[in-house]
């Protein structure tokens, strides 16, 4: 099935504390770098019906990257701010994510990645059925 996935990431940083990230889809590294502005990464693939994983990693956070100075909070982090599946806005689907830090703390439904770790969204194909179910739009025939 022709599948288009767009994920938007925002970099949260101050001074030279710039977050390093990677994006993987179904175990394949798609993109890595330093995030100094918002990016939208596009995945366009022909996929068979089934389950896939979209993973985003924060790679270079240290304890020194979070500061509270003069009532101001400074941080190095990533924010998953938008998800579009086959031209359907699916921001609600971000609530079904899991985020496991490198020290094994687990969070669900978080889109703010503030410790080194892996943010994962399980996506099933066809994405129309997946989006319909995650958005609670009612009954739909499942092709699986």
Protein backbone atom coordinates (compact mmCIF):
# COMPACT_ATOMS: atom_id res chain seq x y z
CA UNK A 1 0.00 0.00 0.00
CA UNK A 2 1.26 3.45 -0.86
CA UNK A 3 2.01 5.01 2.55
CA UNK A 4 3.06 8.55 3.40
CA UNK A 5 4.10 9.43 6.94
CA UNK A 6 5.15 12.92 7.96
CA UNK A 7 6.55 13.56 11.42
CA UNK A 8 7.53 17.02 12.66
CA UNK A 9 10.21 17.45 15.31
CA UNK A 10 11.05 20.61 17.21
CA UNK A 11 14.44 21.12 18.79
CA UNK A 12 14.41 22.68 22.24
CA UNK A 13 17.75 24.13 23.23
CA UNK A 14 19.67 27.16 24.44
CA UNK A 15 23.12 28.52 23.63
CA UNK A 16 25.15 25.64 22.15
CA UNK A 17 23.17 22.85 23.89
CA UNK A 18 21.74 21.50 20.62
CA UNK A 19 19.94 18.12 20.65
CA UNK A 20 21.29 15.27 18.54
CA UNK A 21 18.57 12.94 17.23
CA UNK A 22 17.86 10.02 14.97
CA UNK A 23 14.71 8.82 13.20
CA UNK A 24 14.16 5.15 12.40
CA UNK A 25 11.29 3.39 10.67
CA UNK A 26 10.86 -0.34 11.07
CA UNK A 27 14.48 -0.73 12.19
CA UNK A 28 16.02 1.31 9.36
CA UNK A 29 17.89 4.50 10.20
CA UNK A 30 16.40 7.30 8.07
CA UNK A 31 17.93 10.46 9.45
CA UNK A 32 20.33 11.65 12.12
CA UNK A 33 21.75 15.03 13.01
CA UNK A 34 21.52 18.06 15.24
CA UNK A 35 18.17 19.84 15.48
CA UNK A 36 18.42 23.63 15.49
CA UNK A 37 14.97 24.24 14.00
CA UNK A 38 11.75 22.38 13.32
CA UNK A 39 11.94 19.72 10.64
CA UNK A 40 9.29 17.62 8.95
CA UNK A 41 10.61 14.25 7.85
CA UNK A 42 8.70 12.48 5.08
CA UNK A 43 8.53 8.71 4.76
CA UNK A 44 7.01 7.52 1.48
CA UNK A 45 7.06 3.76 0.99
CA UNK A 46 5.02 0.95 -0.46
CA UNK A 47 4.22 -1.16 2.63
CA UNK A 48 2.44 -4.43 3.15
CA UNK A 49 -0.39 -4.52 5.71
CA UNK A 50 1.06 -5.08 9.15
CA UNK A 51 2.67 -3.38 12.13
CA UNK A 52 5.60 -0.97 11.93
CA UNK A 53 7.57 1.16 14.41
CA UNK A 54 8.45 4.82 14.08
CA UNK A 55 11.26 5.61 16.51
CA UNK A 56 12.89 8.89 17.48
CA UNK A 57 15.94 9.00 19.71
CA UNK A 58 17.53 11.77 21.75
CA UNK A 59 21.24 10.93 21.77
CA UNK A 60 23.31 13.57 23.56
CA UNK A 61 21.59 14.90 26.71
CA UNK A 62 23.68 15.40 29.85
CA UNK A 63 22.75 16.63 33.32
CA UNK A 64 24.39 19.97 32.48
CA UNK A 65 21.87 20.56 29.66
CA UNK A 66 19.00 21.35 32.03
CA UNK A 67 19.23 24.60 33.99
CA UNK A 68 17.01 26.74 36.16
CA UNK A 69 18.50 30.24 36.35
CA UNK A 70 16.77 33.35 37.70
CA UNK A 71 13.31 31.77 37.45
CA UNK A 72 13.96 30.67 33.85
CA UNK A 73 14.01 27.04 32.74
CA UNK A 74 16.50 25.99 30.04
CA UNK A 75 16.53 22.53 28.52
CA UNK A 76 17.81 20.37 25.68
CA UNK A 77 15.03 18.18 24.31
CA UNK A 78 12.99 17.12 21.30
CA UNK A 79 9.27 17.58 20.82
CA UNK A 80 7.26 15.46 18.39
CA UNK A 81 4.80 18.15 17.35
CA UNK A 82 2.89 16.76 14.36
CA UNK A 83 1.99 13.49 12.67
CA UNK A 84 0.32 13.19 9.28
CA UNK A 85 -0.56 9.81 7.73
CA UNK A 86 -1.58 9.78 4.06
CA UNK A 87 -2.62 13.45 4.33
CA UNK A 88 -4.71 12.79 7.49
CA UNK A 89 -3.72 14.86 10.51
CA UNK A 90 -3.12 12.29 13.26
CA UNK A 91 -1.76 14.36 16.14
CA UNK A 92 -4.10 12.40 18.45
CA UNK A 93 -2.11 9.26 17.60
CA UNK A 94 0.90 10.75 19.41
CA UNK A 95 -0.94 9.98 22.66
CA UNK A 96 -0.42 6.26 21.89
CA UNK A 97 3.38 6.50 21.94
CA UNK A 98 5.83 5.04 24.44
CA UNK A 99 9.06 6.66 25.52
CA UNK A 100 11.72 4.63 27.32
CA UNK A 101 14.75 6.44 28.65
CA UNK A 102 18.22 4.91 28.65
CA UNK A 103 17.79 4.22 32.38
CA UNK A 104 14.51 2.32 31.65
CA UNK A 105 11.93 4.87 32.82
CA UNK A 106 8.80 4.38 30.74
CA UNK A 107 6.30 7.07 29.75
CA UNK A 108 3.19 6.72 27.60
CA UNK A 109 1.53 9.43 25.57
CA UNK A 110 4.46 11.85 25.87
CA UNK A 111 5.74 13.83 22.93
CA UNK A 112 8.44 15.73 24.88
CA UNK A 113 11.69 13.74 24.76
CA UNK A 114 13.87 15.18 27.49
CA UNK A 115 16.27 12.36 28.41
CA UNK A 116 18.36 10.13 26.19
CA UNK A 117 16.14 7.31 25.07
CA UNK A 118 13.75 6.00 22.45
CA UNK A 119 10.30 7.40 21.64
CA UNK A 120 8.23 4.80 19.75
CA UNK A 121 4.94 4.95 17.90
CA UNK A 122 3.52 1.66 16.67
CA UNK A 123 1.74 2.24 13.36
CA UNK A 124 -0.30 -0.32 11.50
CA UNK A 125 -0.89 -0.41 7.77
CA UNK A 126 -3.28 0.48 6.21
CA UNK A 127 -2.89 3.85 7.91
CA UNK A 128 -6.49 4.86 7.20
CA UNK A 129 -7.73 2.04 9.44
CA UNK A 130 -5.08 2.82 12.06
CA UNK A 131 -5.96 6.53 12.14
CA UNK A 132 -9.69 5.78 12.23
CA UNK A 133 -9.25 3.52 15.27
CA UNK A 134 -6.82 5.81 17.15
CA UNK A 135 -9.12 8.79 16.63
CA UNK A 136 -12.11 6.76 17.90
CA UNK A 137 -14.19 7.49 14.81
CA UNK A 138 -16.33 4.40 15.26
CA UNK A 139 -16.49 0.95 13.77
CA UNK A 140 -14.40 0.13 10.71
CA UNK A 141 -13.65 -3.11 8.89
CA UNK A 142 -10.17 -4.37 9.78
CA UNK A 143 -8.25 -5.82 6.78
CA UNK A 144 -5.92 -7.96 8.91
